Amino acid sequence: MDTFLEILKYILPSLIVFGATYFVLSKYLDNDYRKQLLMLRRENQKDITPLRLQAFERLILFLERMSMDKLVLRVHKPGMSAKMLQAELVRTVNEEFNHNLTQQVYVASSSWAAVKKAKDESLKVITIAGSQMDNLATGANLGQKIFEIMSTLNASPTQIAIDTLKVEIRQIF
């Protein structure tokens, strides 16, 4: 029993010192890790911020180009039939959307969902207007029908998406 107490006299203080050292060292290493992580995030922000701003700019440009009034006027050529114009409008919207697909990495999911919804709603308007045209309708007739449908909407789908992107930009900066 005396030997046990003698051994305990040496082991117990060692365990206490070890525990205190372990606690202090783990706190120090944890704080050091957090500092390095914070510095890394700050460094990444310098690179990512311009990319995010560029993504917002590109998406807003895409939405502006996709707004029906600008899109129809840009794509329509004299002598186009309604079916030709419809096909060209659909192709243009899809091409521009596909060109900007990678921008979703830099925006919030809700903003990207608004951009996708704007694209889908625009294609829907084009399809609805095209389905109401007869085979002899001209591109001008289709454009007029698209403008009529857009005038019945409370807000343009592209403008809703632009407003969503602007809200996100204001929250970030």
N, C-alpha and C. Protein backbone atom coordinates (compact mmCIF):
# COMPACT_ATOMS: atom_id res chain seq x y z
N MET A 1 0.82 -1.18 0.00
CA MET A 1 0.00 0.00 0.00
C MET A 1 0.87 1.25 0.00
N ASP A 2 1.97 1.21 0.77
CA ASP A 2 2.86 2.37 0.80
C ASP A 2 3.49 2.60 -0.58
N THR A 3 3.82 1.54 -1.25
CA THR A 3 4.41 1.72 -2.58
C THR A 3 3.38 2.30 -3.56
N PHE A 4 2.14 1.89 -3.37
CA PHE A 4 1.08 2.42 -4.24
C PHE A 4 0.93 3.92 -4.03
N LEU A 5 0.92 4.36 -2.78
CA LEU A 5 0.82 5.79 -2.47
C LEU A 5 2.05 6.54 -2.97
N GLU A 6 3.20 5.91 -2.86
CA GLU A 6 4.44 6.52 -3.33
C GLU A 6 4.40 6.71 -4.86
N ILE A 7 3.91 5.72 -5.57
CA ILE A 7 3.79 5.81 -7.03
C ILE A 7 2.74 6.86 -7.39
N LEU A 8 1.65 6.87 -6.65
CA LEU A 8 0.57 7.84 -6.89
C LEU A 8 1.05 9.27 -6.68
N LYS A 9 1.98 9.47 -5.72
CA LYS A 9 2.55 10.79 -5.45
C LYS A 9 3.26 11.34 -6.68
N TYR A 10 3.85 10.49 -7.46
CA TYR A 10 4.57 10.93 -8.65
C TYR A 10 3.68 10.97 -9.90
N ILE A 11 2.77 10.03 -10.01
CA ILE A 11 1.93 9.93 -11.21
C ILE A 11 0.85 11.01 -11.22
N LEU A 12 0.20 11.28 -10.11
CA LEU A 12 -0.90 12.24 -10.05
C LEU A 12 -0.47 13.65 -10.48
N PRO A 13 0.63 14.20 -9.95
CA PRO A 13 1.04 15.52 -10.44
C PRO A 13 1.41 15.49 -11.92
N SER A 14 1.98 14.39 -12.37
CA SER A 14 2.34 14.28 -13.79
C SER A 14 1.09 14.30 -14.66
N LEU A 15 0.06 13.59 -14.22
CA LEU A 15 -1.19 13.58 -14.97
C LEU A 15 -1.84 14.97 -14.99
N ILE A 16 -1.77 15.68 -13.88
CA ILE A 16 -2.34 17.03 -13.80
C ILE A 16 -1.58 17.97 -14.74
N VAL A 17 -0.26 17.90 -14.72
CA VAL A 17 0.55 18.74 -15.61
C VAL A 17 0.27 18.37 -17.07
N PHE A 18 0.20 17.08 -17.36
CA PHE A 18 -0.10 16.64 -18.72
C PHE A 18 -1.46 17.16 -19.19
N GLY A 19 -2.48 17.03 -18.34
CA GLY A 19 -3.83 17.50 -18.68
C GLY A 19 -3.86 19.00 -18.93
N ALA A 20 -3.21 19.77 -18.07
CA ALA A 20 -3.18 21.23 -18.24
C ALA A 20 -2.43 21.60 -19.52
N THR A 21 -1.33 20.94 -19.77
CA THR A 21 -0.56 21.21 -20.98
C THR A 21 -1.36 20.86 -22.23
N TYR A 22 -2.03 19.73 -22.20
CA TYR A 22 -2.86 19.30 -23.32
C TYR A 22 -3.97 20.31 -23.58
N PHE A 23 -4.63 20.77 -22.53
CA PHE A 23 -5.72 21.74 -22.66
C PHE A 23 -5.23 23.06 -23.25
N VAL A 24 -4.14 23.58 -22.72
CA VAL A 24 -3.59 24.85 -23.21
C VAL A 24 -3.11 24.71 -24.65
N LEU A 25 -2.42 23.62 -24.94
CA LEU A 25 -1.89 23.41 -26.28
C LEU A 25 -3.03 23.23 -27.30
N SER A 26 -4.07 22.51 -26.93
CA SER A 26 -5.18 22.32 -27.88
C SER A 26 -5.90 23.64 -28.13
N LYS A 27 -6.06 24.47 -27.11
CA LYS A 27 -6.67 25.79 -27.30
C LYS A 27 -5.81 26.65 -28.23
N TYR A 28 -4.51 26.62 -28.01
CA TYR A 28 -3.59 27.40 -28.84
C TYR A 28 -3.65 26.95 -30.30
N LEU A 29 -3.61 25.63 -30.52
CA LEU A 29 -3.65 25.11 -31.89
C LEU A 29 -5.00 25.40 -32.56
N ASP A 30 -6.07 25.33 -31.79
CA ASP A 30 -7.39 25.64 -32.32
C ASP A 30 -7.47 27.11 -32.74
N ASN A 31 -6.98 28.00 -31.91
CA ASN A 31 -6.97 29.42 -32.24
C ASN A 31 -6.08 29.70 -33.45
N ASP A 32 -4.95 29.04 -33.52
CA ASP A 32 -4.05 29.20 -34.65
C ASP A 32 -4.72 28.72 -35.94
N TYR A 33 -5.42 27.62 -35.87
CA TYR A 33 -6.14 27.09 -37.03
C TYR A 33 -7.21 28.09 -37.49
N ARG A 34 -7.93 28.64 -36.56
CA ARG A 34 -8.97 29.63 -36.90
C ARG A 34 -8.37 30.87 -37.54
N LYS A 35 -7.23 31.33 -37.04
CA LYS A 35 -6.57 32.48 -37.63
C LYS A 35 -6.14 32.20 -39.07
N GLN A 36 -5.57 31.03 -39.28
CA GLN A 36 -5.15 30.66 -40.63
C GLN A 36 -6.34 30.55 -41.57
N LEU A 37 -7.42 29.99 -41.08
CA LEU A 37 -8.64 29.86 -41.88
C LEU A 37 -9.20 31.23 -42.23
N LEU A 38 -9.20 32.15 -41.29
CA LEU A 38 -9.67 33.51 -41.53
C LEU A 38 -8.78 34.22 -42.56
N MET A 39 -7.48 34.06 -42.43
CA MET A 39 -6.56 34.68 -43.40
C MET A 39 -6.77 34.09 -44.79
N LEU A 40 -6.99 32.79 -44.87
CA LEU A 40 -7.24 32.14 -46.15
C LEU A 40 -8.53 32.65 -46.78
N ARG A 41 -9.57 32.81 -45.99
CA ARG A 41 -10.84 33.35 -46.49
C ARG A 41 -10.67 34.77 -46.99
N ARG A 42 -9.94 35.58 -46.26
CA ARG A 42 -9.70 36.97 -46.70
C ARG A 42 -8.94 36.99 -48.02
N GLU A 43 -7.97 36.11 -48.13
CA GLU A 43 -7.18 36.03 -49.36
C GLU A 43 -8.06 35.58 -50.53
N ASN A 44 -8.93 34.61 -50.28
CA ASN A 44 -9.83 34.13 -51.32
C ASN A 44 -10.83 35.20 -51.73
N GLN A 45 -11.28 35.99 -50.78
CA GLN A 45 -12.24 37.05 -51.07
C GLN A 45 -11.67 38.03 -52.09
N LYS A 46 -10.37 38.30 -52.03
CA LYS A 46 -9.74 39.21 -52.98
C LYS A 46 -9.88 38.68 -54.40
N ASP A 47 -9.83 37.36 -54.56
CA ASP A 47 -9.95 36.75 -55.88
C ASP A 47 -11.40 36.54 -56.28
N ILE A 48 -12.24 36.15 -55.33
CA ILE A 48 -13.61 35.77 -55.64
C ILE A 48 -14.53 36.98 -55.84
N THR A 49 -14.32 38.05 -55.12
CA THR A 49 -15.20 39.21 -55.22
C THR A 49 -15.31 39.74 -56.64
N PRO A 50 -14.21 39.96 -57.34
CA PRO A 50 -14.36 40.43 -58.73
C PRO A 50 -15.09 39.42 -59.63
N LEU A 51 -14.86 38.13 -59.38
CA LEU A 51 -15.54 37.11 -60.18
C LEU A 51 -17.04 37.11 -59.91
N ARG A 52 -17.41 37.29 -58.66
CA ARG A 52 -18.84 37.34 -58.32
C ARG A 52 -19.50 38.55 -58.95
N LEU A 53 -18.83 39.70 -58.87
CA LEU A 53 -19.39 40.90 -59.49
C LEU A 53 -19.56 40.72 -60.99
N GLN A 54 -18.57 40.11 -61.61
CA GLN A 54 -18.66 39.85 -63.05
C GLN A 54 -19.83 38.91 -63.36
N ALA A 55 -20.04 37.93 -62.51
CA ALA A 55 -21.16 37.01 -62.71
C ALA A 55 -22.49 37.74 -62.63
N PHE A 56 -22.63 38.62 -61.64
CA PHE A 56 -23.86 39.40 -61.53
C PHE A 56 -24.06 40.27 -62.78
N GLU A 57 -22.97 40.89 -63.23
CA GLU A 57 -23.05 41.73 -64.43
C GLU A 57 -23.49 40.92 -65.64
N ARG A 58 -22.89 39.76 -65.81
CA ARG A 58 -23.23 38.93 -66.96
C ARG A 58 -24.66 38.43 -66.90
N LEU A 59 -25.12 38.06 -65.71
CA LEU A 59 -26.49 37.57 -65.60
C LEU A 59 -27.50 38.69 -65.84
N ILE A 60 -27.21 39.89 -65.35
CA ILE A 60 -28.11 41.00 -65.60
C ILE A 60 -28.10 41.37 -67.09
N LEU A 61 -26.94 41.33 -67.70
CA LEU A 61 -26.87 41.57 -69.14
C LEU A 61 -27.67 40.51 -69.90
N PHE A 62 -27.55 39.26 -69.51
CA PHE A 62 -28.32 38.18 -70.12
C PHE A 62 -29.82 38.47 -69.99
N LEU A 63 -30.25 38.83 -68.79
CA LEU A 63 -31.67 39.09 -68.56
C LEU A 63 -32.16 40.30 -69.36
N GLU A 64 -31.34 41.32 -69.44
CA GLU A 64 -31.71 42.50 -70.23
C GLU A 64 -31.84 42.13 -71.70
N ARG A 65 -30.91 41.35 -72.20
CA ARG A 65 -30.96 40.94 -73.61
C ARG A 65 -32.13 40.00 -73.87
N MET A 66 -32.58 39.30 -72.84
CA MET A 66 -33.66 38.34 -72.99
C MET A 66 -35.04 38.97 -72.78
N SER A 67 -35.10 40.20 -72.32
CA SER A 67 -36.41 40.83 -72.15
C SER A 67 -37.07 40.88 -73.52
N MET A 68 -38.35 40.58 -73.55
CA MET A 68 -39.05 40.36 -74.81
C MET A 68 -38.97 41.56 -75.76
N ASP A 69 -39.10 42.77 -75.26
CA ASP A 69 -39.07 43.92 -76.15
C ASP A 69 -37.73 44.03 -76.88
N LYS A 70 -36.65 43.82 -76.18
CA LYS A 70 -35.32 43.91 -76.80
C LYS A 70 -35.03 42.68 -77.66
N LEU A 71 -35.45 41.52 -77.18
CA LEU A 71 -35.16 40.28 -77.90
C LEU A 71 -35.86 40.24 -79.25
N VAL A 72 -37.14 40.57 -79.27
CA VAL A 72 -37.90 40.52 -80.52
C VAL A 72 -37.32 41.52 -81.52
N LEU A 73 -37.04 42.73 -81.05
CA LEU A 73 -36.50 43.74 -81.96
C LEU A 73 -35.12 43.37 -82.49
N ARG A 74 -34.32 42.71 -81.67
CA ARG A 74 -32.97 42.33 -82.08
C ARG A 74 -32.97 41.16 -83.06
N VAL A 75 -33.86 40.19 -82.83
CA VAL A 75 -33.84 38.96 -83.62
C VAL A 75 -34.66 39.08 -84.91
N HIS A 76 -35.73 39.85 -84.87
CA HIS A 76 -36.62 39.94 -86.04
C HIS A 76 -35.91 40.58 -87.23
N LYS A 77 -36.10 39.94 -88.38
CA LYS A 77 -35.58 40.46 -89.64
C LYS A 77 -36.77 40.57 -90.60
N PRO A 78 -36.78 41.59 -91.44
CA PRO A 78 -37.88 41.73 -92.40
C PRO A 78 -38.06 40.46 -93.23
N GLY A 79 -39.31 40.09 -93.43
CA GLY A 79 -39.62 38.93 -94.25
C GLY A 79 -39.66 37.61 -93.50
N MET A 80 -39.39 37.62 -92.19
CA MET A 80 -39.43 36.38 -91.42
C MET A 80 -40.88 35.96 -91.18
N SER A 81 -41.12 34.67 -91.29
CA SER A 81 -42.44 34.17 -90.91
C SER A 81 -42.50 34.05 -89.39
N ALA A 82 -43.71 33.86 -88.88
CA ALA A 82 -43.89 33.73 -87.44
C ALA A 82 -43.15 32.49 -86.91
N LYS A 83 -43.22 31.41 -87.66
CA LYS A 83 -42.54 30.17 -87.22
C LYS A 83 -41.03 30.34 -87.22
N MET A 84 -40.50 31.04 -88.22
CA MET A 84 -39.06 31.29 -88.27
C MET A 84 -38.63 32.16 -87.09
N LEU A 85 -39.40 33.20 -86.83
CA LEU A 85 -39.06 34.08 -85.71
C LEU A 85 -39.15 33.34 -84.39
N GLN A 86 -40.20 32.53 -84.24
CA GLN A 86 -40.34 31.76 -83.00
C GLN A 86 -39.14 30.85 -82.80
N ALA A 87 -38.73 30.15 -83.83
CA ALA A 87 -37.58 29.24 -83.72
C ALA A 87 -36.31 30.02 -83.39
N GLU A 88 -36.15 31.17 -84.01
CA GLU A 88 -34.95 31.98 -83.77
C GLU A 88 -34.95 32.55 -82.35
N LEU A 89 -36.11 32.96 -81.86
CA LEU A 89 -36.20 33.48 -80.48
C LEU A 89 -35.85 32.39 -79.47
N VAL A 90 -36.41 31.21 -79.66
CA VAL A 90 -36.14 30.09 -78.75
C VAL A 90 -34.65 29.74 -78.78
N ARG A 91 -34.08 29.68 -79.99
CA ARG A 91 -32.67 29.35 -80.13
C ARG A 91 -31.79 30.40 -79.43
N THR A 92 -32.13 31.67 -79.62
CA THR A 92 -31.34 32.74 -79.04
C THR A 92 -31.38 32.70 -77.51
N VAL A 93 -32.58 32.51 -76.95
CA VAL A 93 -32.71 32.45 -75.48
C VAL A 93 -31.91 31.28 -74.94
N ASN A 94 -32.06 30.11 -75.55
CA ASN A 94 -31.34 28.93 -75.06
C ASN A 94 -29.83 29.08 -75.21
N GLU A 95 -29.38 29.63 -76.33
CA GLU A 95 -27.95 29.83 -76.54
C GLU A 95 -27.36 30.77 -75.49
N GLU A 96 -28.03 31.89 -75.28
CA GLU A 96 -27.51 32.85 -74.30
C GLU A 96 -27.55 32.28 -72.89
N PHE A 97 -28.59 31.52 -72.58
CA PHE A 97 -28.66 30.90 -71.25
C PHE A 97 -27.52 29.91 -71.08
N ASN A 98 -27.31 29.07 -72.07
CA ASN A 98 -26.22 28.08 -71.99
C ASN A 98 -24.86 28.75 -71.89
N HIS A 99 -24.72 29.89 -72.52
CA HIS A 99 -23.46 30.64 -72.46
C HIS A 99 -23.18 31.15 -71.04
N ASN A 100 -24.24 31.35 -70.26
CA ASN A 100 -24.09 31.91 -68.91
C ASN A 100 -24.33 30.89 -67.80
N LEU A 101 -24.36 29.62 -68.13
CA LEU A 101 -24.63 28.58 -67.14
C LEU A 101 -23.64 28.58 -65.97
N THR A 102 -22.39 28.83 -66.24
CA THR A 102 -21.37 28.73 -65.19
C THR A 102 -21.49 29.84 -64.15
N GLN A 103 -22.25 30.87 -64.44
CA GLN A 103 -22.38 31.98 -63.49
C GLN A 103 -23.14 31.57 -62.24
N GLN A 104 -23.86 30.45 -62.31
CA GLN A 104 -24.62 30.00 -61.14
C GLN A 104 -23.73 29.68 -59.95
N VAL A 105 -22.45 29.42 -60.21
CA VAL A 105 -21.51 29.12 -59.14
C VAL A 105 -21.35 30.31 -58.20
N TYR A 106 -21.50 31.51 -58.73
CA TYR A 106 -21.19 32.73 -57.98
C TYR A 106 -22.41 33.42 -57.37
N VAL A 107 -23.60 32.92 -57.63
CA VAL A 107 -24.80 33.56 -57.08
C VAL A 107 -25.54 32.58 -56.18
N ALA A 108 -26.41 33.12 -55.35
CA ALA A 108 -27.20 32.28 -54.45
C ALA A 108 -28.16 31.41 -55.25
N SER A 109 -28.56 30.31 -54.66
CA SER A 109 -29.49 29.39 -55.33
C SER A 109 -30.80 30.08 -55.68
N SER A 110 -31.27 30.95 -54.80
CA SER A 110 -32.54 31.64 -55.06
C SER A 110 -32.40 32.58 -56.26
N SER A 111 -31.26 33.23 -56.39
CA SER A 111 -31.04 34.11 -57.54
C SER A 111 -30.96 33.31 -58.83
N TRP A 112 -30.25 32.20 -58.78
CA TRP A 112 -30.15 31.37 -59.98
C TRP A 112 -31.52 30.81 -60.36
N ALA A 113 -32.31 30.45 -59.36
CA ALA A 113 -33.66 29.95 -59.63
C ALA A 113 -34.50 31.04 -60.31
N ALA A 114 -34.33 32.29 -59.90
CA ALA A 114 -35.06 33.39 -60.53
C ALA A 114 -34.63 33.57 -61.98
N VAL A 115 -33.33 33.41 -62.26
CA VAL A 115 -32.83 33.53 -63.63
C VAL A 115 -33.41 32.40 -64.49
N LYS A 116 -33.40 31.18 -63.96
CA LYS A 116 -33.95 30.05 -64.70
C LYS A 116 -35.45 30.23 -64.95
N LYS A 117 -36.14 30.72 -63.94
CA LYS A 117 -37.59 30.93 -64.08
C LYS A 117 -37.86 32.00 -65.14
N ALA A 118 -37.05 33.05 -65.17
CA ALA A 118 -37.21 34.09 -66.19
C ALA A 118 -37.02 33.51 -67.59
N LYS A 119 -36.01 32.67 -67.73
CA LYS A 119 -35.77 32.03 -69.03
C LYS A 119 -36.96 31.15 -69.42
N ASP A 120 -37.41 30.32 -68.48
CA ASP A 120 -38.53 29.42 -68.76
C ASP A 120 -39.81 30.19 -69.08
N GLU A 121 -40.07 31.25 -68.34
CA GLU A 121 -41.27 32.06 -68.59
C GLU A 121 -41.18 32.75 -69.94
N SER A 122 -40.01 33.20 -70.32
CA SER A 122 -39.83 33.84 -71.62
C SER A 122 -40.09 32.83 -72.74
N LEU A 123 -39.55 31.64 -72.59
CA LEU A 123 -39.79 30.59 -73.59
C LEU A 123 -41.27 30.24 -73.64
N LYS A 124 -41.92 30.24 -72.51
CA LYS A 124 -43.35 29.94 -72.44
C LYS A 124 -44.16 30.99 -73.20
N VAL A 125 -43.82 32.26 -73.01
CA VAL A 125 -44.52 33.34 -73.72
C VAL A 125 -44.31 33.18 -75.23
N ILE A 126 -43.09 32.89 -75.64
CA ILE A 126 -42.81 32.70 -77.07
C ILE A 126 -43.62 31.53 -77.62
N THR A 127 -43.68 30.44 -76.88
CA THR A 127 -44.41 29.26 -77.32
C THR A 127 -45.91 29.53 -77.39
N ILE A 128 -46.45 30.20 -76.39
CA ILE A 128 -47.89 30.51 -76.39
C ILE A 128 -48.23 31.42 -77.57
N ALA A 129 -47.42 32.45 -77.76
CA ALA A 129 -47.68 33.36 -78.88
C ALA A 129 -47.56 32.63 -80.21
N GLY A 130 -46.57 31.76 -80.33
CA GLY A 130 -46.39 31.00 -81.57
C GLY A 130 -47.53 30.04 -81.84
N SER A 131 -48.09 29.47 -80.78
CA SER A 131 -49.21 28.53 -80.97
C SER A 131 -50.48 29.24 -81.42
N GLN A 132 -50.55 30.54 -81.22
CA GLN A 132 -51.74 31.31 -81.61
C GLN A 132 -51.62 31.88 -83.03
N MET A 133 -50.52 31.60 -83.69
CA MET A 133 -50.29 32.10 -85.05
C MET A 133 -50.70 31.04 -86.07
N ASP A 134 -51.24 31.49 -87.18
CA ASP A 134 -51.53 30.55 -88.27
C ASP A 134 -50.30 30.43 -89.17
N ASN A 135 -50.36 29.58 -90.16
CA ASN A 135 -49.19 29.31 -91.00
C ASN A 135 -48.78 30.49 -91.86
N LEU A 136 -49.67 31.43 -92.10
CA LEU A 136 -49.36 32.57 -92.95
C LEU A 136 -48.93 33.80 -92.15
N ALA A 137 -48.87 33.67 -90.84
CA ALA A 137 -48.52 34.82 -89.98
C ALA A 137 -47.06 35.23 -90.20
N THR A 138 -46.84 36.51 -90.09
CA THR A 138 -45.48 37.04 -90.26
C THR A 138 -44.80 37.16 -88.91
N GLY A 139 -43.51 37.42 -88.97
CA GLY A 139 -42.74 37.63 -87.75
C GLY A 139 -43.27 38.84 -86.98
N ALA A 140 -43.71 39.86 -87.72
CA ALA A 140 -44.27 41.05 -87.07
C ALA A 140 -45.53 40.70 -86.29
N ASN A 141 -46.34 39.79 -86.85
CA ASN A 141 -47.55 39.35 -86.13
C ASN A 141 -47.18 38.64 -84.83
N LEU A 142 -46.16 37.80 -84.90
CA LEU A 142 -45.71 37.10 -83.70
C LEU A 142 -45.17 38.09 -82.67
N GLY A 143 -44.38 39.02 -83.12
CA GLY A 143 -43.84 40.03 -82.20
C GLY A 143 -44.95 40.81 -81.52
N GLN A 144 -45.96 41.19 -82.31
CA GLN A 144 -47.10 41.91 -81.73
C GLN A 144 -47.82 41.06 -80.69
N LYS A 145 -48.00 39.78 -80.99
CA LYS A 145 -48.69 38.87 -80.05
C LYS A 145 -47.86 38.71 -78.77
N ILE A 146 -46.55 38.61 -78.90
CA ILE A 146 -45.68 38.51 -77.72
C ILE A 146 -45.82 39.76 -76.86
N PHE A 147 -45.84 40.92 -77.50
CA PHE A 147 -45.99 42.18 -76.74
C PHE A 147 -47.36 42.23 -76.05
N GLU A 148 -48.40 41.71 -76.70
CA GLU A 148 -49.73 41.67 -76.09
C GLU A 148 -49.72 40.79 -74.84
N ILE A 149 -49.11 39.63 -74.96
CA ILE A 149 -49.05 38.71 -73.81
C ILE A 149 -48.25 39.34 -72.68
N MET A 150 -47.14 39.95 -73.01
CA MET A 150 -46.31 40.58 -71.97
C MET A 150 -47.04 41.73 -71.28
N SER A 151 -47.90 42.43 -72.02
CA SER A 151 -48.63 43.55 -71.41
C SER A 151 -49.68 43.08 -70.40
N THR A 152 -50.08 41.81 -70.50
CA THR A 152 -51.05 41.28 -69.54
C THR A 152 -50.41 40.85 -68.22
N LEU A 153 -49.11 40.69 -68.23
CA LEU A 153 -48.41 40.26 -67.01
C LEU A 153 -48.23 41.43 -66.06
N ASN A 154 -48.28 41.15 -64.77
CA ASN A 154 -48.06 42.20 -63.77
C ASN A 154 -46.64 42.74 -63.83
N ALA A 155 -45.69 41.82 -63.96
CA ALA A 155 -44.28 42.21 -64.03
C ALA A 155 -43.57 41.27 -65.00
N SER A 156 -42.59 41.82 -65.67
CA SER A 156 -41.81 41.02 -66.61
C SER A 156 -40.99 39.99 -65.83
N PRO A 157 -40.95 38.74 -66.28
CA PRO A 157 -40.15 37.73 -65.59
C PRO A 157 -38.67 38.11 -65.52
N THR A 158 -38.18 38.75 -66.57
CA THR A 158 -36.77 39.15 -66.55
C THR A 158 -36.54 40.26 -65.52
N GLN A 159 -37.50 41.17 -65.36
CA GLN A 159 -37.33 42.25 -64.39
C GLN A 159 -37.37 41.70 -62.97
N ILE A 160 -38.20 40.70 -62.72
CA ILE A 160 -38.25 40.06 -61.40
C ILE A 160 -36.90 39.44 -61.08
N ALA A 161 -36.31 38.75 -62.05
CA ALA A 161 -35.00 38.13 -61.83
C ALA A 161 -33.92 39.18 -61.62
N ILE A 162 -33.97 40.27 -62.38
CA ILE A 162 -32.99 41.35 -62.21
C ILE A 162 -33.12 41.93 -60.80
N ASP A 163 -34.34 42.15 -60.34
CA ASP A 163 -34.55 42.68 -58.99
C ASP A 163 -34.01 41.72 -57.93
N THR A 164 -34.19 40.42 -58.15
CA THR A 164 -33.66 39.41 -57.21
C THR A 164 -32.14 39.48 -57.16
N LEU A 165 -31.50 39.60 -58.31
CA LEU A 165 -30.04 39.71 -58.34
C LEU A 165 -29.57 40.99 -57.66
N LYS A 166 -30.28 42.08 -57.87
CA LYS A 166 -29.90 43.35 -57.24
C LYS A 166 -30.01 43.27 -55.72
N VAL A 167 -31.03 42.58 -55.23
CA VAL A 167 -31.17 42.41 -53.78
C VAL A 167 -29.98 41.63 -53.23
N GLU A 168 -29.59 40.58 -53.92
CA GLU A 168 -28.44 39.79 -53.45
C GLU A 168 -27.16 40.62 -53.48
N ILE A 169 -26.98 41.41 -54.52
CA ILE A 169 -25.78 42.26 -54.60
C ILE A 169 -25.74 43.22 -53.42
N ARG A 170 -26.87 43.82 -53.12
CA ARG A 170 -26.92 44.78 -52.00
C ARG A 170 -26.62 44.10 -50.66
N GLN A 171 -27.02 42.85 -50.52
CA GLN A 171 -26.75 42.13 -49.27
C GLN A 171 -25.26 41.82 -49.13
N ILE A 172 -24.60 41.58 -50.24
CA ILE A 172 -23.19 41.22 -50.21
C ILE A 172 -22.32 42.44 -50.01
N PHE A 173 -22.65 43.53 -50.70
CA PHE A 173 -21.78 44.70 -50.68
C PHE A 173 -22.46 45.84 -49.97
